């Protein structure tokens, strides 16, 4: 259980870093938002899913 929790936290940090870097890059291009909107929404959905999974698993790891 602890190993799964650690993997999810690491994945959460990795996805957070990718979003921090990719969102400004997408908005910097003239057509970036229109072209990459679905990709950003998918990344955001994954981020929220990982956020809730880490929060739920945190109560079991204690």
N, C-alpha and C. Protein backbone atom coordinates (compact mmCIF):
# COMPACT_ATOMS: atom_id res chain seq x y z
N UNK A 1 0.83 -1.19 0.00
CA UNK A 1 0.00 0.00 0.00
C UNK A 1 0.87 1.26 0.00
N UNK A 2 1.95 1.21 0.75
CA UNK A 2 2.83 2.38 0.81
C UNK A 2 3.52 2.60 -0.53
N UNK A 3 3.90 1.51 -1.18
CA UNK A 3 4.56 1.65 -2.49
C UNK A 3 3.62 2.25 -3.52
N UNK A 4 2.35 1.84 -3.51
CA UNK A 4 1.36 2.41 -4.42
C UNK A 4 1.16 3.89 -4.15
N UNK A 5 1.11 4.25 -2.87
CA UNK A 5 0.96 5.65 -2.48
C UNK A 5 2.15 6.48 -2.98
N UNK A 6 3.35 5.96 -2.80
CA UNK A 6 4.54 6.69 -3.24
C UNK A 6 4.58 6.84 -4.75
N UNK A 7 4.17 5.82 -5.47
CA UNK A 7 4.14 5.91 -6.94
C UNK A 7 3.13 6.95 -7.39
N UNK A 8 1.96 6.98 -6.75
CA UNK A 8 0.94 7.96 -7.12
C UNK A 8 1.38 9.38 -6.79
N UNK A 9 2.07 9.57 -5.67
CA UNK A 9 2.58 10.89 -5.34
C UNK A 9 3.64 11.32 -6.35
N UNK A 10 4.51 10.42 -6.74
CA UNK A 10 5.53 10.73 -7.74
C UNK A 10 4.89 11.07 -9.08
N UNK A 11 3.88 10.32 -9.47
CA UNK A 11 3.17 10.60 -10.71
C UNK A 11 2.43 11.94 -10.63
N UNK A 12 1.86 12.25 -9.47
CA UNK A 12 1.19 13.53 -9.27
C UNK A 12 2.18 14.69 -9.42
N UNK A 13 3.36 14.55 -8.85
CA UNK A 13 4.38 15.59 -8.97
C UNK A 13 4.82 15.74 -10.42
N UNK A 14 5.00 14.64 -11.12
CA UNK A 14 5.41 14.67 -12.52
C UNK A 14 4.36 15.35 -13.40
N UNK A 15 3.09 14.99 -13.21
CA UNK A 15 2.02 15.61 -14.00
C UNK A 15 1.90 17.09 -13.67
N UNK A 16 2.08 17.45 -12.40
CA UNK A 16 2.03 18.86 -12.01
C UNK A 16 3.13 19.65 -12.70
N UNK A 17 4.33 19.08 -12.73
CA UNK A 17 5.44 19.75 -13.40
C UNK A 17 5.17 19.91 -14.89
N UNK A 18 4.64 18.86 -15.51
CA UNK A 18 4.32 18.95 -16.94
C UNK A 18 3.28 20.03 -17.22
N UNK A 19 2.28 20.15 -16.37
CA UNK A 19 1.26 21.18 -16.58
C UNK A 19 1.82 22.57 -16.34
N UNK A 20 2.68 22.72 -15.34
CA UNK A 20 3.28 24.03 -15.08
C UNK A 20 4.11 24.49 -16.27
N UNK A 21 4.76 23.58 -16.94
CA UNK A 21 5.58 23.94 -18.09
C UNK A 21 4.73 24.08 -19.36
N UNK A 22 3.79 23.18 -19.56
CA UNK A 22 3.09 23.15 -20.84
C UNK A 22 2.01 24.21 -21.00
N UNK A 23 1.34 24.60 -19.93
CA UNK A 23 0.25 25.58 -20.07
C UNK A 23 0.76 26.93 -20.57
N UNK A 24 1.82 27.50 -20.00
CA UNK A 24 2.31 28.76 -20.56
C UNK A 24 2.84 28.62 -21.98
N UNK A 25 3.44 27.48 -22.29
CA UNK A 25 3.94 27.28 -23.65
C UNK A 25 2.79 27.23 -24.64
N UNK A 26 1.72 26.56 -24.28
CA UNK A 26 0.55 26.48 -25.18
C UNK A 26 -0.05 27.86 -25.39
N UNK A 27 -0.16 28.65 -24.34
CA UNK A 27 -0.75 29.98 -24.48
C UNK A 27 0.18 30.97 -25.19
N UNK A 28 1.46 30.65 -25.28
CA UNK A 28 2.40 31.54 -25.94
C UNK A 28 2.25 31.50 -27.46
N UNK A 29 1.78 30.41 -27.99
CA UNK A 29 1.61 30.29 -29.44
C UNK A 29 0.27 30.88 -29.86
N UNK A 30 0.22 31.46 -31.06
CA UNK A 30 -1.03 32.10 -31.51
C UNK A 30 -2.22 31.14 -31.59
N UNK A 31 -2.02 29.96 -32.10
CA UNK A 31 -3.11 28.99 -32.23
C UNK A 31 -2.99 27.86 -31.21
N UNK A 32 -2.20 28.06 -30.18
CA UNK A 32 -1.93 26.99 -29.23
C UNK A 32 -3.16 26.50 -28.50
N UNK A 33 -4.00 27.42 -28.05
CA UNK A 33 -5.18 27.01 -27.28
C UNK A 33 -6.15 26.21 -28.15
N UNK A 34 -6.36 26.65 -29.37
CA UNK A 34 -7.29 25.95 -30.26
C UNK A 34 -6.78 24.56 -30.63
N UNK A 35 -5.47 24.44 -30.76
CA UNK A 35 -4.89 23.16 -31.19
C UNK A 35 -4.72 22.16 -30.04
N UNK A 36 -4.40 22.65 -28.86
CA UNK A 36 -4.03 21.76 -27.75
C UNK A 36 -5.03 21.77 -26.59
N UNK A 37 -6.23 22.27 -26.84
CA UNK A 37 -7.23 22.37 -25.77
C UNK A 37 -7.57 21.00 -25.18
N UNK A 38 -7.78 20.01 -26.03
CA UNK A 38 -8.14 18.67 -25.54
C UNK A 38 -7.02 18.04 -24.74
N UNK A 39 -5.78 18.26 -25.17
CA UNK A 39 -4.64 17.71 -24.44
C UNK A 39 -4.53 18.33 -23.06
N UNK A 40 -4.73 19.65 -22.97
CA UNK A 40 -4.66 20.31 -21.67
C UNK A 40 -5.79 19.85 -20.75
N UNK A 41 -6.98 19.70 -21.29
CA UNK A 41 -8.09 19.23 -20.46
C UNK A 41 -7.87 17.79 -19.99
N UNK A 42 -7.25 16.97 -20.82
CA UNK A 42 -6.93 15.60 -20.41
C UNK A 42 -5.90 15.60 -19.30
N UNK A 43 -4.89 16.44 -19.42
CA UNK A 43 -3.89 16.56 -18.37
C UNK A 43 -4.48 17.08 -17.08
N UNK A 44 -5.39 18.02 -17.18
CA UNK A 44 -6.05 18.56 -15.99
C UNK A 44 -6.94 17.50 -15.33
N UNK A 45 -7.64 16.71 -16.14
CA UNK A 45 -8.47 15.64 -15.59
C UNK A 45 -7.60 14.59 -14.88
N UNK A 46 -6.47 14.26 -15.47
CA UNK A 46 -5.54 13.32 -14.84
C UNK A 46 -5.01 13.88 -13.53
N UNK A 47 -4.72 15.19 -13.51
CA UNK A 47 -4.22 15.84 -12.30
C UNK A 47 -5.25 15.76 -11.18
N UNK A 48 -6.51 16.05 -11.49
CA UNK A 48 -7.56 15.98 -10.47
C UNK A 48 -7.79 14.55 -9.99
N UNK A 49 -7.73 13.59 -10.90
CA UNK A 49 -7.88 12.20 -10.52
C UNK A 49 -6.76 11.78 -9.56
N UNK A 50 -5.53 12.14 -9.89
CA UNK A 50 -4.41 11.82 -9.01
C UNK A 50 -4.52 12.54 -7.68
N UNK A 51 -5.00 13.77 -7.70
CA UNK A 51 -5.18 14.53 -6.46
C UNK A 51 -6.13 13.80 -5.51
N UNK A 52 -7.27 13.36 -6.03
CA UNK A 52 -8.23 12.66 -5.18
C UNK A 52 -7.73 11.28 -4.76
N UNK A 53 -7.05 10.57 -5.65
CA UNK A 53 -6.51 9.26 -5.29
C UNK A 53 -5.45 9.37 -4.19
N UNK A 54 -4.57 10.35 -4.30
CA UNK A 54 -3.55 10.55 -3.28
C UNK A 54 -4.21 10.93 -1.96
N UNK A 55 -5.23 11.78 -2.01
CA UNK A 55 -5.93 12.16 -0.79
C UNK A 55 -6.64 10.99 -0.13
N UNK A 56 -7.26 10.13 -0.92
CA UNK A 56 -7.95 8.97 -0.37
C UNK A 56 -6.95 7.96 0.18
N UNK A 57 -5.90 7.69 -0.57
CA UNK A 57 -4.90 6.72 -0.10
C UNK A 57 -4.14 7.23 1.11
N UNK A 58 -4.05 8.54 1.27
CA UNK A 58 -3.35 9.10 2.42
C UNK A 58 -4.01 8.67 3.73
N UNK A 59 -5.31 8.51 3.74
CA UNK A 59 -5.99 8.10 4.97
C UNK A 59 -5.72 6.63 5.30
N UNK A 60 -5.36 5.82 4.32
CA UNK A 60 -5.08 4.42 4.58
C UNK A 60 -3.61 4.17 4.92
N UNK A 61 -2.73 5.05 4.50
CA UNK A 61 -1.30 4.84 4.71
C UNK A 61 -0.90 5.15 6.15
N UNK A 62 -1.59 6.08 6.78
CA UNK A 62 -1.25 6.46 8.15
C UNK A 62 -1.23 5.25 9.04
